Amino acid sequence: MINIDSESKNMTIIRKDTASFTLSLNNYELKDGDKVIFTLASSLESQKPLLQKEINKFNDGAAEIFLSTNDTNIEVGKYFYDIQVELSNGQVDTVIGPARFVVEGGVTY
């Protein structure tokens, strides 16, 4: 399970947990030809992401982003993420972030 702060969009997850969340835009319904890109990095200056997921299939104009156990099997610590939308008309917008992505330790693994 993932906790997302509604104002800052900071996320917190337990290491090795799975999570799913939906991204919808207020003024646009995502459709074929669009892309949503979730990127996780160790720092804002990092040139190589720890994780990048591209979503190009949408339900009712929204993107579901799924994080697997493998995706969240990273060291406990503080990271950064953003979500970028690339529309079929060429427009590119970072719609969330950069925001914090905190991985906490768990007791059961």
PDB file of N, CA and C in Angstrom:
ATOM      1  N   MET A   1       0.835  -1.173   0.000  1.00  0.00           N
ATOM      2  CA  MET A   1       0.000   0.000   0.000  1.00  0.00           C
ATOM      3  C   MET A   1       0.888   1.248   0.000  1.00  0.00           C
ATOM      4  N   ILE A   2       0.414   2.254  -0.659  1.00  0.00           N
ATOM      5  CA  ILE A   2       1.163   3.497  -0.752  1.00  0.00           C
ATOM      6  C   ILE A   2       0.340   4.629  -0.146  1.00  0.00           C
ATOM      7  N   ASN A   3       1.021   5.534   0.515  1.00  0.00           N
ATOM      8  CA  ASN A   3       0.359   6.706   1.079  1.00  0.00           C
ATOM      9  C   ASN A   3       0.790   7.914   0.250  1.00  0.00           C
ATOM     10  N   ILE A   4      -0.182   8.646  -0.293  1.00  0.00           N
ATOM     11  CA  ILE A   4       0.111   9.826  -1.115  1.00  0.00           C
ATOM     12  C   ILE A   4      -0.499  11.043  -0.444  1.00  0.00           C
ATOM     13  N   ASP A   5       0.344  12.017  -0.101  1.00  0.00           N
ATOM     14  CA  ASP A   5      -0.133  13.258   0.491  1.00  0.00           C
ATOM     15  C   ASP A   5      -0.857  14.061  -0.586  1.00  0.00           C
ATOM     16  N   SER A   6      -2.094  14.428  -0.334  1.00  0.00           N
ATOM     17  CA  SER A   6      -2.917  15.075  -1.363  1.00  0.00           C
ATOM     18  C   SER A   6      -2.407  16.453  -1.770  1.00  0.00           C
ATOM     19  N   GLU A   7      -1.723  17.155  -0.894  1.00  0.00           N
ATOM     20  CA  GLU A   7      -1.221  18.489  -1.238  1.00  0.00           C
ATOM     21  C   GLU A   7       0.161  18.449  -1.873  1.00  0.00           C
ATOM     22  N   SER A   8       1.121  17.832  -1.201  1.00  0.00           N
ATOM     23  CA  SER A   8       2.504  17.831  -1.699  1.00  0.00           C
ATOM     24  C   SER A   8       2.747  16.765  -2.758  1.00  0.00           C
ATOM     25  N   LYS A   9       1.888  15.741  -2.803  1.00  0.00           N
ATOM     26  CA  LYS A   9       2.018  14.569  -3.682  1.00  0.00           C
ATOM     27  C   LYS A   9       3.189  13.673  -3.269  1.00  0.00           C
ATOM     28  N   ASN A  10       3.786  13.915  -2.091  1.00  0.00           N
ATOM     29  CA  ASN A  10       4.824  13.030  -1.581  1.00  0.00           C
ATOM     30  C   ASN A  10       4.225  11.651  -1.330  1.00  0.00           C
ATOM     31  N   MET A  11       5.010  10.607  -1.621  1.00  0.00           N
ATOM     32  CA  MET A  11       4.556   9.232  -1.454  1.00  0.00           C
ATOM     33  C   MET A  11       5.414   8.525  -0.421  1.00  0.00           C
ATOM     34  N   THR A  12       4.774   7.612   0.311  1.00  0.00           N
ATOM     35  CA  THR A  12       5.477   6.755   1.260  1.00  0.00           C
ATOM     36  C   THR A  12       5.010   5.327   1.040  1.00  0.00           C
ATOM     37  N   ILE A  13       5.982   4.403   0.994  1.00  0.00           N
ATOM     38  CA  ILE A  13       5.659   2.992   0.797  1.00  0.00           C
ATOM     39  C   ILE A  13       6.614   2.156   1.641  1.00  0.00           C
ATOM     40  N   ILE A  14       6.175   0.977   2.035  1.00  0.00           N
ATOM     41  CA  ILE A  14       7.038   0.022   2.730  1.00  0.00           C
ATOM     42  C   ILE A  14       7.816  -0.757   1.671  1.00  0.00           C
ATOM     43  N   ARG A  15       9.094  -0.942   1.913  1.00  0.00           N
ATOM     44  CA  ARG A  15       9.957  -1.685   0.984  1.00  0.00           C
ATOM     45  C   ARG A  15       9.327  -3.038   0.642  1.00  0.00           C
ATOM     46  N   LYS A  16       9.315  -3.369  -0.628  1.00  0.00           N
ATOM     47  CA  LYS A  16       8.802  -4.615  -1.204  1.00  0.00           C
ATOM     48  C   LYS A  16       7.279  -4.707  -1.251  1.00  0.00           C
ATOM     49  N   ASP A  17       6.564  -3.659  -0.847  1.00  0.00           N
ATOM     50  CA  ASP A  17       5.103  -3.663  -0.988  1.00  0.00           C
ATOM     51  C   ASP A  17       4.724  -3.364  -2.435  1.00  0.00           C
ATOM     52  N   THR A  18       3.540  -3.790  -2.827  1.00  0.00           N
ATOM     53  CA  THR A  18       2.999  -3.416  -4.132  1.00  0.00           C
ATOM     54  C   THR A  18       2.059  -2.229  -3.942  1.00  0.00           C
ATOM     55  N   ALA A  19       1.860  -1.496  -5.019  1.00  0.00           N
ATOM     56  CA  ALA A  19       0.977  -0.323  -4.941  1.00  0.00           C
ATOM     57  C   ALA A  19       0.406  -0.043  -6.318  1.00  0.00           C
ATOM     58  N   SER A  20      -0.755   0.560  -6.307  1.00  0.00           N
ATOM     59  CA  SER A  20      -1.409   0.971  -7.540  1.00  0.00           C
ATOM     60  C   SER A  20      -2.110   2.290  -7.260  1.00  0.00           C
ATOM     61  N   PHE A  21      -1.951   3.238  -8.174  1.00  0.00           N
ATOM     62  CA  PHE A  21      -2.661   4.503  -8.035  1.00  0.00           C
ATOM     63  C   PHE A  21      -3.038   5.004  -9.419  1.00  0.00           C
ATOM     64  N   THR A  22      -4.046   5.848  -9.457  1.00  0.00           N
ATOM     65  CA  THR A  22      -4.599   6.328 -10.712  1.00  0.00           C
ATOM     66  C   THR A  22      -4.282   7.795 -10.905  1.00  0.00           C
ATOM     67  N   LEU A  23      -3.878   8.144 -12.127  1.00  0.00           N
ATOM     68  CA  LEU A  23      -3.635   9.535 -12.497  1.00  0.00           C
ATOM     69  C   LEU A  23      -4.698   9.953 -13.488  1.00  0.00           C
ATOM     70  N   SER A  24      -5.454  10.978 -13.114  1.00  0.00           N
ATOM     71  CA  SER A  24      -6.396  11.576 -14.052  1.00  0.00           C
ATOM     72  C   SER A  24      -6.126  13.072 -14.072  1.00  0.00           C
ATOM     73  N   LEU A  25      -6.360  13.674 -15.209  1.00  0.00           N
ATOM     74  CA  LEU A  25      -6.126  15.102 -15.376  1.00  0.00           C
ATOM     75  C   LEU A  25      -7.452  15.843 -15.306  1.00  0.00           C
ATOM     76  N   ASN A  26      -7.443  17.031 -14.747  1.00  0.00           N
ATOM     77  CA  ASN A  26      -8.677  17.806 -14.579  1.00  0.00           C
ATOM     78  C   ASN A  26      -9.290  18.249 -15.900  1.00  0.00           C
ATOM     79  N   ASN A  27      -8.464  18.583 -16.865  1.00  0.00           N
ATOM     80  CA  ASN A  27      -8.979  19.209 -18.085  1.00  0.00           C
ATOM     81  C   ASN A  27      -8.724  18.400 -19.356  1.00  0.00           C
ATOM     82  N   TYR A  28      -8.399  17.104 -19.197  1.00  0.00           N
ATOM     83  CA  TYR A  28      -8.062  16.306 -20.372  1.00  0.00           C
ATOM     84  C   TYR A  28      -8.256  14.831 -20.059  1.00  0.00           C
ATOM     85  N   GLU A  29      -8.834  14.088 -21.000  1.00  0.00           N
ATOM     86  CA  GLU A  29      -8.938  12.635 -20.860  1.00  0.00           C
ATOM     87  C   GLU A  29      -7.842  11.983 -21.689  1.00  0.00           C
ATOM     88  N   LEU A  30      -6.998  11.193 -21.039  1.00  0.00           N
ATOM     89  CA  LEU A  30      -5.922  10.496 -21.732  1.00  0.00           C
ATOM     90  C   LEU A  30      -6.512   9.508 -22.731  1.00  0.00           C
ATOM     91  N   LYS A  31      -5.838   9.381 -23.894  1.00  0.00           N
ATOM     92  CA  LYS A  31      -6.370   8.522 -24.955  1.00  0.00           C
ATOM     93  C   LYS A  31      -5.224   7.881 -25.727  1.00  0.00           C
ATOM     94  N   ASP A  32      -5.574   7.013 -26.683  1.00  0.00           N
ATOM     95  CA  ASP A  32      -4.578   6.355 -27.517  1.00  0.00           C
ATOM     96  C   ASP A  32      -3.640   7.391 -28.124  1.00  0.00           C
ATOM     97  N   GLY A  33      -2.349   7.083 -28.104  1.00  0.00           N
ATOM     98  CA  GLY A  33      -1.330   7.990 -28.625  1.00  0.00           C
ATOM     99  C   GLY A  33      -0.674   8.825 -27.541  1.00  0.00           C
ATOM    100  N   ASP A  34      -1.306   8.922 -26.366  1.00  0.00           N
ATOM    101  CA  ASP A  34      -0.722   9.639 -25.235  1.00  0.00           C
ATOM    102  C   ASP A  34       0.160   8.684 -24.431  1.00  0.00           C
ATOM    103  N   LYS A  35       1.055   9.256 -23.617  1.00  0.00           N
ATOM    104  CA  LYS A  35       1.905   8.468 -22.724  1.00  0.00           C
ATOM    105  C   LYS A  35       1.976   9.149 -21.365  1.00  0.00           C
ATOM    106  N   VAL A  36       2.006   8.334 -20.328  1.00  0.00           N
ATOM    107  CA  VAL A  36       2.264   8.798 -18.975  1.00  0.00           C
ATOM    108  C   VAL A  36       3.542   8.102 -18.522  1.00  0.00           C
ATOM    109  N   ILE A  37       4.497   8.890 -18.028  1.00  0.00           N
ATOM    110  CA  ILE A  37       5.790   8.332 -17.624  1.00  0.00           C
ATOM    111  C   ILE A  37       6.040   8.643 -16.153  1.00  0.00           C
ATOM    112  N   PHE A  38       6.160   7.583 -15.344  1.00  0.00           N
ATOM    113  CA  PHE A  38       6.496   7.679 -13.925  1.00  0.00           C
ATOM    114  C   PHE A  38       7.993   7.410 -13.816  1.00  0.00           C
ATOM    115  N   THR A  39       8.736   8.341 -13.220  1.00  0.00           N
ATOM    116  CA  THR A  39      10.183   8.185 -13.084  1.00  0.00           C
ATOM    117  C   THR A  39      10.573   8.355 -11.630  1.00  0.00           C
ATOM    118  N   LEU A  40      11.408   7.436 -11.136  1.00  0.00           N
ATOM    119  CA  LEU A  40      11.924   7.461  -9.771  1.00  0.00           C
ATOM    120  C   LEU A  40      13.438   7.573  -9.844  1.00  0.00           C
ATOM    121  N   ALA A  41      14.007   8.527  -9.087  1.00  0.00           N
ATOM    122  CA  ALA A  41      15.459   8.744  -9.101  1.00  0.00           C
ATOM    123  C   ALA A  41      15.980   8.923  -7.685  1.00  0.00           C
ATOM    124  N   SER A  42      17.267   8.670  -7.520  1.00  0.00           N
ATOM    125  CA  SER A  42      17.883   8.801  -6.197  1.00  0.00           C
ATOM    126  C   SER A  42      18.078  10.261  -5.797  1.00  0.00           C
ATOM    127  N   SER A  43      18.184  11.151  -6.784  1.00  0.00           N
ATOM    128  CA  SER A  43      18.338  12.580  -6.502  1.00  0.00           C
ATOM    129  C   SER A  43      17.805  13.380  -7.680  1.00  0.00           C
ATOM    130  N   LEU A  44      17.645  14.675  -7.474  1.00  0.00           N
ATOM    131  CA  LEU A  44      17.170  15.531  -8.567  1.00  0.00           C
ATOM    132  C   LEU A  44      18.221  15.676  -9.661  1.00  0.00           C
ATOM    133  N   GLU A  45      19.482  15.489  -9.307  1.00  0.00           N
ATOM    134  CA  GLU A  45      20.570  15.624 -10.272  1.00  0.00           C
ATOM    135  C   GLU A  45      20.893  14.320 -10.999  1.00  0.00           C
ATOM    136  N   SER A  46      20.284  13.230 -10.585  1.00  0.00           N
ATOM    137  CA  SER A  46      20.588  11.918 -11.157  1.00  0.00           C
ATOM    138  C   SER A  46      20.260  11.869 -12.644  1.00  0.00           C
ATOM    139  N   GLN A  47      21.198  11.366 -13.424  1.00  0.00           N
ATOM    140  CA  GLN A  47      21.010  11.228 -14.863  1.00  0.00           C
ATOM    141  C   GLN A  47      20.409   9.875 -15.235  1.00  0.00           C
ATOM    142  N   LYS A  48      20.428   8.929 -14.290  1.00  0.00           N
ATOM    143  CA  LYS A  48      19.904   7.589 -14.558  1.00  0.00           C
ATOM    144  C   LYS A  48      18.813   7.263 -13.537  1.00  0.00           C
ATOM    145  N   PRO A  49      17.592   7.042 -14.003  1.00  0.00           N
ATOM    146  CA  PRO A  49      16.514   6.734 -13.053  1.00  0.00           C
ATOM    147  C   PRO A  49      16.670   5.346 -12.449  1.00  0.00           C
ATOM    148  N   LEU A  50      16.176   5.199 -11.231  1.00  0.00           N
ATOM    149  CA  LEU A  50      16.107   3.879 -10.593  1.00  0.00           C
ATOM    150  C   LEU A  50      14.998   3.054 -11.218  1.00  0.00           C
ATOM    151  N   LEU A  51      13.940   3.738 -11.628  1.00  0.00           N
ATOM    152  CA  LEU A  51      12.762   3.072 -12.177  1.00  0.00           C
ATOM    153  C   LEU A  51      12.059   4.031 -13.120  1.00  0.00           C
ATOM    154  N   GLN A  52      11.606   3.510 -14.237  1.00  0.00           N
ATOM    155  CA  GLN A  52      10.779   4.308 -15.135  1.00  0.00           C
ATOM    156  C   GLN A  52       9.694   3.398 -15.714  1.00  0.00           C
ATOM    157  N   LYS A  53       8.462   3.856 -15.579  1.00  0.00           N
ATOM    158  CA  LYS A  53       7.308   3.110 -16.090  1.00  0.00           C
ATOM    159  C   LYS A  53       6.582   3.977 -17.099  1.00  0.00           C
ATOM    160  N   GLU A  54       6.262   3.392 -18.237  1.00  0.00           N
ATOM    161  CA  GLU A  54       5.507   4.098 -19.270  1.00  0.00           C
ATOM    162  C   GLU A  54       4.140   3.448 -19.416  1.00  0.00           C
ATOM    163  N   ILE A  55       3.103   4.266 -19.327  1.00  0.00           N
ATOM    164  CA  ILE A  55       1.733   3.779 -19.442  1.00  0.00           C
ATOM    165  C   ILE A  55       1.136   4.387 -20.697  1.00  0.00           C
ATOM    166  N   ASN A  56       0.578   3.531 -21.546  1.00  0.00           N
ATOM    167  CA  ASN A  56      -0.040   4.032 -22.787  1.00  0.00           C
ATOM    168  C   ASN A  56      -1.414   3.408 -23.047  1.00  0.00           C
ATOM    169  N   LYS A  57      -1.946   2.754 -22.018  1.00  0.00           N
ATOM    170  CA  LYS A  57      -3.316   2.237 -22.075  1.00  0.00           C
ATOM    171  C   LYS A  57      -4.075   2.873 -20.913  1.00  0.00           C
ATOM    172  N   PHE A  58      -5.267   3.351 -21.221  1.00  0.00           N
ATOM    173  CA  PHE A  58      -6.006   4.139 -20.243  1.00  0.00           C
ATOM    174  C   PHE A  58      -7.421   3.618 -20.075  1.00  0.00           C
ATOM    175  N   ASN A  59      -7.954   3.786 -18.880  1.00  0.00           N
ATOM    176  CA  ASN A  59      -9.333   3.414 -18.562  1.00  0.00           C
ATOM    177  C   ASN A  59     -10.101   4.684 -18.224  1.00  0.00           C
ATOM    178  N   ASP A  60     -11.122   4.964 -18.993  1.00  0.00           N
ATOM    179  CA  ASP A  60     -11.947   6.152 -18.768  1.00  0.00           C
ATOM    180  C   ASP A  60     -11.116   7.422 -18.694  1.00  0.00           C
ATOM    181  N   GLY A  61     -10.088   7.526 -19.538  1.00  0.00           N
ATOM    182  CA  GLY A  61      -9.272   8.735 -19.612  1.00  0.00           C
ATOM    183  C   GLY A  61      -8.258   8.878 -18.501  1.00  0.00           C
ATOM    184  N   ALA A  62      -8.012   7.817 -17.727  1.00  0.00           N
ATOM    185  CA  ALA A  62      -7.069   7.863 -16.605  1.00  0.00           C
ATOM    186  C   ALA A  62      -6.031   6.754 -16.746  1.00  0.00           C
ATOM    187  N   ALA A  63      -4.857   6.985 -16.168  1.00  0.00           N
ATOM    188  CA  ALA A  63      -3.765   6.009 -16.199  1.00  0.00           C
ATOM    189  C   ALA A  63      -3.631   5.345 -14.839  1.00  0.00           C
ATOM    190  N   GLU A  64      -3.521   4.019 -14.836  1.00  0.00           N
ATOM    191  CA  GLU A  64      -3.238   3.305 -13.603  1.00  0.00           C
ATOM    192  C   GLU A  64      -1.752   2.980 -13.583  1.00  0.00           C
ATOM    193  N   ILE A  65      -1.090   3.392 -12.518  1.00  0.00           N
ATOM    194  CA  ILE A  65       0.341   3.142 -12.353  1.00  0.00           C
ATOM    195  C   ILE A  65       0.485   2.070 -11.280  1.00  0.00           C
ATOM    196  N   PHE A  66       1.126   0.959 -11.644  1.00  0.00           N
ATOM    197  CA  PHE A  66       1.288  -0.169 -10.735  1.00  0.00           C
ATOM    198  C   PHE A  66       2.768  -0.326 -10.399  1.00  0.00           C
ATOM    199  N   LEU A  67       3.063  -0.426  -9.114  1.00  0.00           N
ATOM    200  CA  LEU A  67       4.423  -0.684  -8.642  1.00  0.00           C
ATOM    201  C   LEU A  67       4.457  -2.082  -8.050  1.00  0.00           C
ATOM    202  N   SER A  68       5.320  -2.925  -8.597  1.00  0.00           N
ATOM    203  CA  SER A  68       5.436  -4.314  -8.149  1.00  0.00           C
ATOM    204  C   SER A  68       6.424  -4.422  -6.982  1.00  0.00           C
ATOM    205  N   THR A  69       6.485  -5.608  -6.405  1.00  0.00           N
ATOM    206  CA  THR A  69       7.460  -5.875  -5.350  1.00  0.00           C
ATOM    207  C   THR A  69       8.875  -5.620  -5.844  1.00  0.00           C
ATOM    208  N   ASN A  70       9.159  -6.006  -7.074  1.00  0.00           N
ATOM    209  CA  ASN A  70      10.492  -5.749  -7.640  1.00  0.00           C
ATOM    210  C   ASN A  70      10.767  -4.257  -7.764  1.00  0.00           C
ATOM    211  N   ASP A  71       9.753  -3.480  -8.137  1.00  0.00           N
ATOM    212  CA  ASP A  71       9.918  -2.028  -8.274  1.00  0.00           C
ATOM    213  C   ASP A  71      10.259  -1.371  -6.947  1.00  0.00           C
ATOM    214  N   THR A  72       9.676  -1.854  -5.857  1.00  0.00           N
ATOM    215  CA  THR A  72       9.868  -1.228  -4.547  1.00  0.00           C
ATOM    216  C   THR A  72      10.929  -1.922  -3.707  1.00  0.00           C
ATOM    217  N   ASN A  73      11.634  -2.872  -4.284  1.00  0.00           N
ATOM    218  CA  ASN A  73      12.706  -3.573  -3.587  1.00  0.00           C
ATOM    219  C   ASN A  73      14.000  -2.762  -3.731  1.00  0.00           C
ATOM    220  N   ILE A  74      13.982  -1.588  -3.129  1.00  0.00           N
ATOM    221  CA  ILE A  74      15.149  -0.700  -3.129  1.00  0.00           C
ATOM    222  C   ILE A  74      15.475  -0.347  -1.685  1.00  0.00           C
ATOM    223  N   GLU A  75      16.649   0.199  -1.469  1.00  0.00           N
ATOM    224  CA  GLU A  75      17.078   0.541  -0.120  1.00  0.00           C
ATOM    225  C   GLU A  75      16.107   1.506   0.557  1.00  0.00           C
ATOM    226  N   VAL A  76      15.918   1.319   1.841  1.00  0.00           N
ATOM    227  CA  VAL A  76      15.127   2.249   2.636  1.00  0.00           C
ATOM    228  C   VAL A  76      15.778   3.626   2.514  1.00  0.00           C
ATOM    229  N   GLY A  77      14.964   4.640   2.246  1.00  0.00           N
ATOM    230  CA  GLY A  77      15.523   5.979   2.113  1.00  0.00           C
ATOM    231  C   GLY A  77      14.569   6.927   1.413  1.00  0.00           C
ATOM    232  N   LYS A  78      15.095   8.107   1.092  1.00  0.00           N
ATOM    233  CA  LYS A  78      14.316   9.156   0.445  1.00  0.00           C
ATOM    234  C   LYS A  78      14.768   9.308  -0.993  1.00  0.00           C
ATOM    235  N   TYR A  79      13.804   9.339  -1.897  1.00  0.00           N
ATOM    236  CA  TYR A  79      14.039   9.447  -3.326  1.00  0.00           C
ATOM    237  C   TYR A  79      13.145  10.557  -3.882  1.00  0.00           C
ATOM    238  N   PHE A  80      13.193  10.737  -5.187  1.00  0.00           N
ATOM    239  CA  PHE A  80      12.334  11.712  -5.858  1.00  0.00           C
ATOM    240  C   PHE A  80      11.647  11.039  -7.036  1.00  0.00           C
ATOM    241  N   TYR A  81      10.428  11.496  -7.334  1.00  0.00           N
ATOM    242  CA  TYR A  81       9.715  10.991  -8.498  1.00  0.00           C
ATOM    243  C   TYR A  81       9.029  12.154  -9.196  1.00  0.00           C
ATOM    244  N   ASP A  82       8.698  11.917 -10.439  1.00  0.00           N
ATOM    245  CA  ASP A  82       7.791  12.826 -11.137  1.00  0.00           C
ATOM    246  C   ASP A  82       6.949  12.012 -12.101  1.00  0.00           C
ATOM    247  N   ILE A  83       5.897  12.648 -12.576  1.00  0.00           N
ATOM    248  CA  ILE A  83       5.037  12.030 -13.586  1.00  0.00           C
ATOM    249  C   ILE A  83       4.892  13.024 -14.720  1.00  0.00           C
ATOM    250  N   GLN A  84       5.280  12.567 -15.895  1.00  0.00           N
ATOM    251  CA  GLN A  84       5.220  13.397 -17.091  1.00  0.00           C
ATOM    252  C   GLN A  84       4.183  12.826 -18.052  1.00  0.00           C
ATOM    253  N   VAL A  85       3.454  13.710 -18.696  1.00  0.00           N
ATOM    254  CA  VAL A  85       2.466  13.315 -19.685  1.00  0.00           C
ATOM    255  C   VAL A  85       2.921  13.828 -21.041  1.00  0.00           C
ATOM    256  N   GLU A  86       2.962  12.924 -22.009  1.00  0.00           N
ATOM    257  CA  GLU A  86       3.288  13.274 -23.393  1.00  0.00           C
ATOM    258  C   GLU A  86       2.034  13.023 -24.226  1.00  0.00           C
ATOM    259  N   LEU A  87       1.430  14.093 -24.717  1.00  0.00           N
ATOM    260  CA  LEU A  87       0.200  13.966 -25.489  1.00  0.00           C
ATOM    261  C   LEU A  87       0.508  13.664 -26.947  1.00  0.00           C
ATOM    262  N   SER A  88      -0.456  13.075 -27.622  1.00  0.00           N
ATOM    263  CA  SER A  88      -0.275  12.687 -29.023  1.00  0.00           C
ATOM    264  C   SER A  88      -0.014  13.884 -29.928  1.00  0.00           C
ATOM    265  N   ASN A  89      -0.387  15.097 -29.496  1.00  0.00           N
ATOM    266  CA  ASN A  89      -0.147  16.295 -30.308  1.00  0.00           C
ATOM    267  C   ASN A  89       1.246  16.883 -30.103  1.00  0.00           C
ATOM    268  N   GLY A  90       2.090  16.213 -29.269  1.00  0.00           N
ATOM    269  CA  GLY A  90       3.452  16.670 -29.029  1.00  0.00           C
ATOM    270  C   GLY A  90       3.636  17.464 -27.749  1.00  0.00           C
ATOM    271  N   GLN A  91       2.558  17.852 -27.107  1.00  0.00           N
ATOM    272  CA  GLN A  91       2.662  18.609 -25.851  1.00  0.00           C
ATOM    273  C   GLN A  91       3.207  17.709 -24.749  1.00  0.00           C
ATOM    274  N   VAL A  92       4.156  18.239 -23.963  1.00  0.00           N
ATOM    275  CA  VAL A  92       4.764  17.515 -22.854  1.00  0.00           C
ATOM    276  C   VAL A  92       4.605  18.349 -21.589  1.00  0.00           C
ATOM    277  N   ASP A  93       4.058  17.741 -20.541  1.00  0.00           N
ATOM    278  CA  ASP A  93       3.882  18.430 -19.262  1.00  0.00           C
ATOM    279  C   ASP A  93       4.273  17.509 -18.123  1.00  0.00           C
ATOM    280  N   THR A  94       5.039  18.043 -17.171  1.00  0.00           N
ATOM    281  CA  THR A  94       5.278  17.334 -15.920  1.00  0.00           C
ATOM    282  C   THR A  94       4.128  17.712 -15.006  1.00  0.00           C
ATOM    283  N   VAL A  95       3.255  16.751 -14.739  1.00  0.00           N
ATOM    284  CA  VAL A  95       2.015  17.043 -14.013  1.00  0.00           C
ATOM    285  C   VAL A  95       2.143  16.844 -12.506  1.00  0.00           C
ATOM    286  N   ILE A  96       3.135  16.072 -12.076  1.00  0.00           N
ATOM    287  CA  ILE A  96       3.435  15.911 -10.654  1.00  0.00           C
ATOM    288  C   ILE A  96       4.943  15.895 -10.489  1.00  0.00           C
ATOM    289  N   GLY A  97       5.395  16.698  -9.545  1.00  0.00           N
ATOM    290  CA  GLY A  97       6.777  16.607  -9.143  1.00  0.00           C
ATOM    291  C   GLY A  97       7.668  17.689  -9.684  1.00  0.00           C
ATOM    292  N   PRO A  98       8.896  17.574  -9.294  1.00  0.00           N
ATOM    293  CA  PRO A  98       9.406  16.464  -8.490  1.00  0.00           C
ATOM    294  C   PRO A  98       8.852  16.502  -7.073  1.00  0.00           C
ATOM    295  N   ALA A  99       8.605  15.310  -6.558  1.00  0.00           N
ATOM    296  CA  ALA A  99       8.090  15.142  -5.202  1.00  0.00           C
ATOM    297  C   ALA A  99       8.867  14.015  -4.527  1.00  0.00           C
ATOM    298  N   ARG A 100       8.755  13.947  -3.228  1.00  0.00           N
ATOM    299  CA  ARG A 100       9.488  12.914  -2.473  1.00  0.00           C
ATOM    300  C   ARG A 100       8.804  11.553  -2.601  1.00  0.00           C
ATOM    301  N   PHE A 101       9.628  10.531  -2.614  1.00  0.00           N
ATOM    302  CA  PHE A 101       9.186   9.136  -2.619  1.00  0.00           C
ATOM    303  C   PHE A 101       9.982   8.465  -1.509  1.00  0.00           C
ATOM    304  N   VAL A 102       9.329   8.161  -0.401  1.00  0.00           N
ATOM    305  CA  VAL A 102      10.009   7.619   0.773  1.00  0.00           C
ATOM    306  C   VAL A 102       9.745   6.121   0.864  1.00  0.00           C
ATOM    307  N   VAL A 103      10.817   5.358   0.978  1.00  0.00           N
ATOM    308  CA  VAL A 103      10.725   3.914   1.173  1.00  0.00           C
ATOM    309  C   VAL A 103      11.083   3.628   2.632  1.00  0.00           C
ATOM    310  N   GLU A 104      10.126   3.038   3.341  1.00  0.00           N
ATOM    311  CA  GLU A 104      10.331   2.715   4.749  1.00  0.00           C
ATOM    312  C   GLU A 104      10.579   1.235   4.905  1.00  0.00           C
ATOM    313  N   GLY A 105      11.233   0.893   6.000  1.00  0.00           N
ATOM    314  CA  GLY A 105      11.488  -0.507   6.305  1.00  0.00           C
ATOM    315  C   GLY A 105      10.245  -1.181   6.840  1.00  0.00           C
ATOM    316  N   GLY A 106      10.230  -2.479   6.742  1.00  0.00           N
ATOM    317  CA  GLY A 106       9.114  -3.265   7.262  1.00  0.00           C
ATOM    318  C   GLY A 106       9.638  -4.312   8.228  1.00  0.00           C
ATOM    319  N   VAL A 107       8.734  -5.018   8.845  1.00  0.00           N
ATOM    320  CA  VAL A 107       9.101  -6.068   9.770  1.00  0.00           C
ATOM    321  C   VAL A 107       9.008  -7.420   9.066  1.00  0.00           C
ATOM    322  N   THR A 108       8.000  -7.597   8.237  1.00  0.00           N
ATOM    323  CA  THR A 108       7.783  -8.864   7.544  1.00  0.00           C
ATOM    324  C   THR A 108       8.283  -8.744   6.112  1.00  0.00           C
ATOM    325  N   TYR A 109       9.181  -9.628   5.722  1.00  0.00           N
ATOM    326  CA  TYR A 109       9.663  -9.661   4.329  1.00  0.00           C
ATOM    327  C   TYR A 109       9.519 -11.049   3.787  1.00  0.00           C
TER     328      TYR A 109
END
